[in-house]
Amino acid sequence: MMSSSQSSDFAFQKPSIERAWKDFIKHFPALCVAWVLAFIVYLGGIIVLYFCLYLGLFLDILHYGTNGPEGPLTILGLIVGLFGGLPLWLVFSTLLAMIFAIPAMYYNGGEERVTAKKAFNELNRRRIRYIFAGVFHTAMMLLGYMLCFLPGLIIAMLGPIYINKIFLTDQSILEAFNSSFRSVFGSRDWPYFLLISFLGGLIVALSSLLTCNVGYFITCPMYAFYIQNYAYHKGILSKV
């Protein structure tokens, strides 16, 4: 059993790409479970969407014939499919957030590997909180993008800190959001954190684009481990 001081030292060690790689490999099974579940839920959302869309198209043809108006029931089917699949899209985004939650749980808890069972027991324990936290963060990010783009970009770059506070503390969603800003901008290293966060996101985006999303499955979790480790190392995050 690891002592609390050893655990603390582990969380605050200097980050490196090599360490992020080793931690990624160590947690690959748990990450795979998150990806597989996310894919299943995503597939369910796609099925709901296309079922409603083609049902509307079929009813359009049945009711109006091939020479009828521009598919009002098809459009209705599309709308129903989007809103009908909304719960699945919310679950999908929450599952993807586990890519950042697992590193947060790992560095906060010590060197013990976070298993898929442990991660998803935690997800299930406060699932409503995590879903609404994701909705709130997405809404704030979109609002920020509409307000001259930069606020939305900053909110996105603070996402790993927000996820850490949502999963590891009992702060309300709004408190966790505000606390993320205070933690980052209250640190003298905030410019470096934002730079690393931006460059990490850029690497993930480019690797996904250039490899038909294959690179995402390596660069995204490595970035997640690195940025959490960096935040602990620089005192932006503290153990709870």
Protein backbone atom coordinates (compact mmCIF):
# COMPACT_ATOMS: atom_id res chain seq x y z
CA MET A 1 0.00 0.00 0.00
CA MET A 2 1.40 3.39 -0.97
CA SER A 3 1.72 6.12 1.64
CA SER A 4 0.02 9.47 1.03
CA SER A 5 3.40 11.24 0.69
CA GLN A 6 4.54 8.73 -1.94
CA SER A 7 1.25 9.16 -3.75
CA SER A 8 1.61 12.94 -3.63
CA ASP A 9 5.17 12.76 -4.95
CA PHE A 10 3.96 10.58 -7.78
CA ALA A 11 1.28 13.08 -8.83
CA PHE A 12 3.69 16.00 -8.83
CA GLN A 13 6.56 14.42 -10.72
CA LYS A 14 7.78 16.23 -13.81
CA PRO A 15 5.72 15.29 -16.88
CA SER A 16 7.30 13.84 -20.00
CA ILE A 17 6.18 12.28 -23.26
CA GLU A 18 7.76 9.01 -22.17
CA ARG A 19 5.79 9.00 -18.94
CA ALA A 20 2.56 9.87 -20.78
CA TRP A 21 3.22 6.95 -23.14
CA LYS A 22 3.81 4.50 -20.29
CA ASP A 23 0.69 5.65 -18.46
CA PHE A 24 -1.30 5.36 -21.69
CA ILE A 25 -0.13 1.76 -22.17
CA LYS A 26 -0.84 1.00 -18.51
CA HIS A 27 -4.44 2.15 -18.90
CA PHE A 28 -5.04 0.92 -22.43
CA PRO A 29 -7.60 -1.74 -21.32
CA ALA A 30 -9.76 0.82 -19.48
CA LEU A 31 -9.48 3.27 -22.37
CA CYS A 32 -10.50 0.53 -24.82
CA VAL A 33 -13.65 -0.15 -22.80
CA ALA A 34 -14.52 3.56 -22.96
CA TRP A 35 -13.96 3.64 -26.72
CA VAL A 36 -15.95 0.47 -27.39
CA LEU A 37 -18.89 1.63 -25.28
CA ALA A 38 -18.76 5.07 -26.93
CA PHE A 39 -18.79 3.44 -30.37
CA ILE A 40 -21.80 1.28 -29.48
CA VAL A 41 -23.72 4.31 -28.21
CA TYR A 42 -22.65 6.33 -31.27
CA LEU A 43 -23.88 3.53 -33.53
CA GLY A 44 -27.19 3.54 -31.67
CA GLY A 45 -27.54 7.29 -32.27
CA ILE A 46 -26.81 6.86 -35.98
CA ILE A 47 -29.39 4.04 -36.24
CA VAL A 48 -32.06 6.19 -34.56
CA LEU A 49 -31.26 9.12 -36.85
CA TYR A 50 -31.36 7.18 -40.11
CA PHE A 51 -34.37 5.11 -39.10
CA CYS A 52 -36.41 8.28 -38.50
CA LEU A 53 -35.03 9.92 -41.64
CA TYR A 54 -35.86 7.01 -43.96
CA LEU A 55 -39.20 6.43 -42.26
CA GLY A 56 -40.09 10.03 -43.08
CA LEU A 57 -38.87 9.53 -46.65
CA PHE A 58 -40.97 6.37 -46.99
CA LEU A 59 -44.07 8.14 -45.67
CA ASP A 60 -43.44 11.06 -48.03
CA ILE A 61 -43.36 8.73 -51.02
CA LEU A 62 -46.37 6.80 -49.74
CA HIS A 63 -48.45 9.92 -49.14
CA TYR A 64 -47.30 12.32 -51.86
CA GLY A 65 -45.79 10.01 -54.43
CA THR A 66 -42.52 10.67 -56.21
CA ASN A 67 -43.81 13.97 -57.65
CA GLY A 68 -44.96 15.44 -54.34
CA PRO A 69 -43.61 18.47 -52.44
CA GLU A 70 -40.07 18.68 -51.08
CA GLY A 71 -40.34 15.97 -48.43
CA PRO A 72 -41.96 17.61 -45.36
CA LEU A 73 -42.16 14.25 -43.59
CA THR A 74 -38.51 13.53 -44.41
CA ILE A 75 -37.52 16.81 -42.76
CA LEU A 76 -39.73 15.97 -39.79
CA GLY A 77 -38.10 12.54 -39.58
CA LEU A 78 -34.66 14.18 -39.54
CA ILE A 79 -35.69 16.48 -36.69
CA VAL A 80 -37.25 13.63 -34.71
CA GLY A 81 -34.14 11.52 -35.29
CA LEU A 82 -31.82 14.26 -34.02
CA PHE A 83 -33.85 14.95 -30.90
CA GLY A 84 -34.76 11.29 -30.37
CA GLY A 85 -31.09 10.34 -30.37
CA LEU A 86 -30.10 13.22 -28.07
CA PRO A 87 -29.87 11.04 -24.91
CA LEU A 88 -27.50 8.73 -26.76
CA TRP A 89 -25.32 11.65 -27.90
CA LEU A 90 -25.14 12.88 -24.31
CA VAL A 91 -24.01 9.45 -23.10
CA PHE A 92 -21.53 9.28 -26.00
CA SER A 93 -19.87 12.58 -25.04
CA THR A 94 -19.76 11.52 -21.37
CA LEU A 95 -18.00 8.28 -22.29
CA LEU A 96 -15.42 10.20 -24.32
CA ALA A 97 -14.80 12.43 -21.28
CA MET A 98 -13.52 9.30 -19.52
CA ILE A 99 -10.35 9.66 -21.63
CA PHE A 100 -9.54 12.65 -19.39
CA ALA A 101 -11.23 11.39 -16.22
CA ILE A 102 -9.10 8.23 -16.04
CA PRO A 103 -5.80 10.20 -15.91
CA ALA A 104 -7.34 12.51 -13.29
CA MET A 105 -8.32 9.54 -11.12
CA TYR A 106 -4.92 7.93 -11.66
CA TYR A 107 -2.76 10.88 -10.60
CA ASN A 108 -5.04 11.73 -7.71
CA GLY A 109 -5.04 8.18 -6.40
CA GLY A 110 -1.38 7.22 -6.75
CA GLU A 111 0.43 4.70 -8.89
CA GLU A 112 -2.35 2.11 -8.75
CA ARG A 113 -3.77 1.49 -12.22
CA VAL A 114 -7.33 2.67 -12.77
CA THR A 115 -9.23 -0.37 -14.02
CA ALA A 116 -12.23 -0.22 -16.30
CA LYS A 117 -14.40 -1.47 -13.43
CA LYS A 118 -13.23 1.28 -11.09
CA ALA A 119 -13.62 3.99 -13.73
CA PHE A 120 -17.11 3.00 -14.77
CA ASN A 121 -18.29 2.36 -11.23
CA GLU A 122 -17.42 6.00 -10.59
CA LEU A 123 -19.13 7.08 -13.82
CA ASN A 124 -22.28 5.18 -12.87
CA ARG A 125 -22.24 6.50 -9.29
CA ARG A 126 -22.83 10.12 -10.37
CA ARG A 127 -23.85 9.67 -14.00
CA ILE A 128 -26.48 12.45 -14.00
CA ARG A 129 -23.91 14.91 -12.65
CA TYR A 130 -21.42 13.99 -15.36
CA ILE A 131 -23.95 14.20 -18.18
CA PHE A 132 -25.18 17.65 -17.10
CA ALA A 133 -21.59 18.80 -16.52
CA GLY A 134 -20.82 17.88 -20.13
CA VAL A 135 -23.91 19.70 -21.41
CA PHE A 136 -23.00 22.82 -19.41
CA HIS A 137 -19.37 22.85 -20.60
CA THR A 138 -20.40 22.34 -24.23
CA ALA A 139 -22.97 25.15 -23.98
CA MET A 140 -20.41 27.53 -22.44
CA MET A 141 -17.85 26.59 -25.07
CA LEU A 142 -20.29 27.20 -27.95
CA LEU A 143 -21.34 30.51 -26.40
CA GLY A 144 -17.69 31.45 -26.09
CA TYR A 145 -17.03 30.62 -29.73
CA MET A 146 -19.89 32.90 -30.74
CA LEU A 147 -18.35 35.72 -28.68
CA CYS A 148 -15.28 36.42 -30.81
CA PHE A 149 -14.08 32.77 -30.75
CA LEU A 150 -11.28 33.26 -28.18
CA PRO A 151 -13.43 32.71 -25.03
CA GLY A 152 -14.64 29.40 -26.44
CA LEU A 153 -11.08 28.33 -27.21
CA ILE A 154 -9.98 29.14 -23.65
CA ILE A 155 -12.93 27.19 -22.19
CA ALA A 156 -11.98 24.23 -24.38
CA MET A 157 -8.34 24.39 -23.25
CA LEU A 158 -9.45 24.44 -19.61
CA GLY A 159 -11.52 21.29 -20.21
CA PRO A 160 -9.05 18.85 -18.56
CA ILE A 161 -9.03 20.95 -15.36
CA TYR A 162 -12.83 21.15 -15.38
CA ILE A 163 -13.15 17.39 -15.84
CA ASN A 164 -10.73 16.80 -12.97
CA LYS A 165 -12.82 18.94 -10.63
CA ILE A 166 -16.10 17.43 -11.80
CA PHE A 167 -14.93 13.86 -11.22
CA LEU A 168 -12.79 14.30 -8.11
CA THR A 169 -14.61 16.93 -6.05
CA ASP A 170 -18.10 17.57 -4.74
CA GLN A 171 -18.20 21.11 -6.11
CA SER A 172 -21.31 22.04 -8.02
CA ILE A 173 -21.02 22.21 -11.79
CA LEU A 174 -20.89 26.01 -11.75
CA GLU A 175 -18.36 26.03 -8.91
CA ALA A 176 -16.15 23.53 -10.75
CA PHE A 177 -16.33 25.68 -13.88
CA ASN A 178 -15.37 28.86 -12.02
CA SER A 179 -12.73 27.02 -10.01
CA SER A 180 -11.10 25.83 -13.24
CA PHE A 181 -10.51 29.45 -14.26
CA ARG A 182 -9.19 30.38 -10.81
CA SER A 183 -6.85 27.39 -10.71
CA VAL A 184 -5.32 28.12 -14.10
CA PHE A 185 -5.20 31.91 -14.10
CA GLY A 186 -4.21 32.01 -10.44
CA SER A 187 -1.01 30.20 -11.36
CA ARG A 188 2.04 32.02 -12.66
CA ASP A 189 2.41 29.20 -15.20
CA TRP A 190 -0.95 29.86 -16.84
CA PRO A 191 0.55 31.00 -20.20
CA TYR A 192 2.55 27.78 -20.44
CA PHE A 193 -0.48 25.68 -19.52
CA LEU A 194 -2.59 27.31 -22.24
CA LEU A 195 0.23 26.93 -24.76
CA ILE A 196 0.71 23.23 -23.98
CA SER A 197 -3.06 22.67 -24.00
CA PHE A 198 -3.38 24.40 -27.39
CA LEU A 199 -0.43 22.54 -28.92
CA GLY A 200 -1.67 19.24 -27.51
CA GLY A 201 -5.12 19.78 -28.99
CA LEU A 202 -3.55 20.76 -32.30
CA ILE A 203 -1.44 17.58 -32.37
CA VAL A 204 -4.51 15.46 -31.59
CA ALA A 205 -6.50 17.19 -34.36
CA LEU A 206 -3.74 16.87 -36.96
CA SER A 207 -2.98 13.25 -36.10
CA SER A 208 -6.66 12.41 -36.44
CA LEU A 209 -6.99 14.29 -39.73
CA LEU A 210 -3.89 12.78 -41.31
CA THR A 211 -4.57 9.18 -40.24
CA CYS A 212 -8.37 8.91 -40.66
CA ASN A 213 -8.82 9.16 -36.86
CA VAL A 214 -6.39 6.32 -36.07
CA GLY A 215 -3.88 8.72 -34.55
CA TYR A 216 -6.53 10.00 -32.15
CA PHE A 217 -6.45 6.74 -30.21
CA ILE A 218 -2.80 7.36 -29.35
CA THR A 219 -2.34 11.13 -29.19
CA CYS A 220 -5.54 12.01 -27.32
CA PRO A 221 -4.98 9.77 -24.28
CA MET A 222 -1.27 10.67 -24.22
CA TYR A 223 -2.23 14.34 -24.21
CA ALA A 224 -4.79 13.66 -21.45
CA PHE A 225 -2.16 12.03 -19.22
CA TYR A 226 0.44 14.69 -19.98
CA ILE A 227 -1.78 17.71 -19.32
CA GLN A 228 -3.13 16.29 -16.04
CA ASN A 229 0.41 15.49 -14.89
CA TYR A 230 1.56 18.98 -15.92
CA ALA A 231 -1.26 20.62 -13.98
CA TYR A 232 -0.36 18.71 -10.80
CA HIS A 233 3.36 19.37 -11.30
CA LYS A 234 2.82 23.12 -11.63
CA GLY A 235 0.39 23.31 -8.70
CA ILE A 236 -2.60 24.17 -10.89
CA LEU A 237 -4.29 21.08 -9.49
CA SER A 238 -3.97 19.68 -5.99
CA LYS A 239 -4.85 16.27 -4.65
CA VAL A 240 -8.24 15.85 -3.00
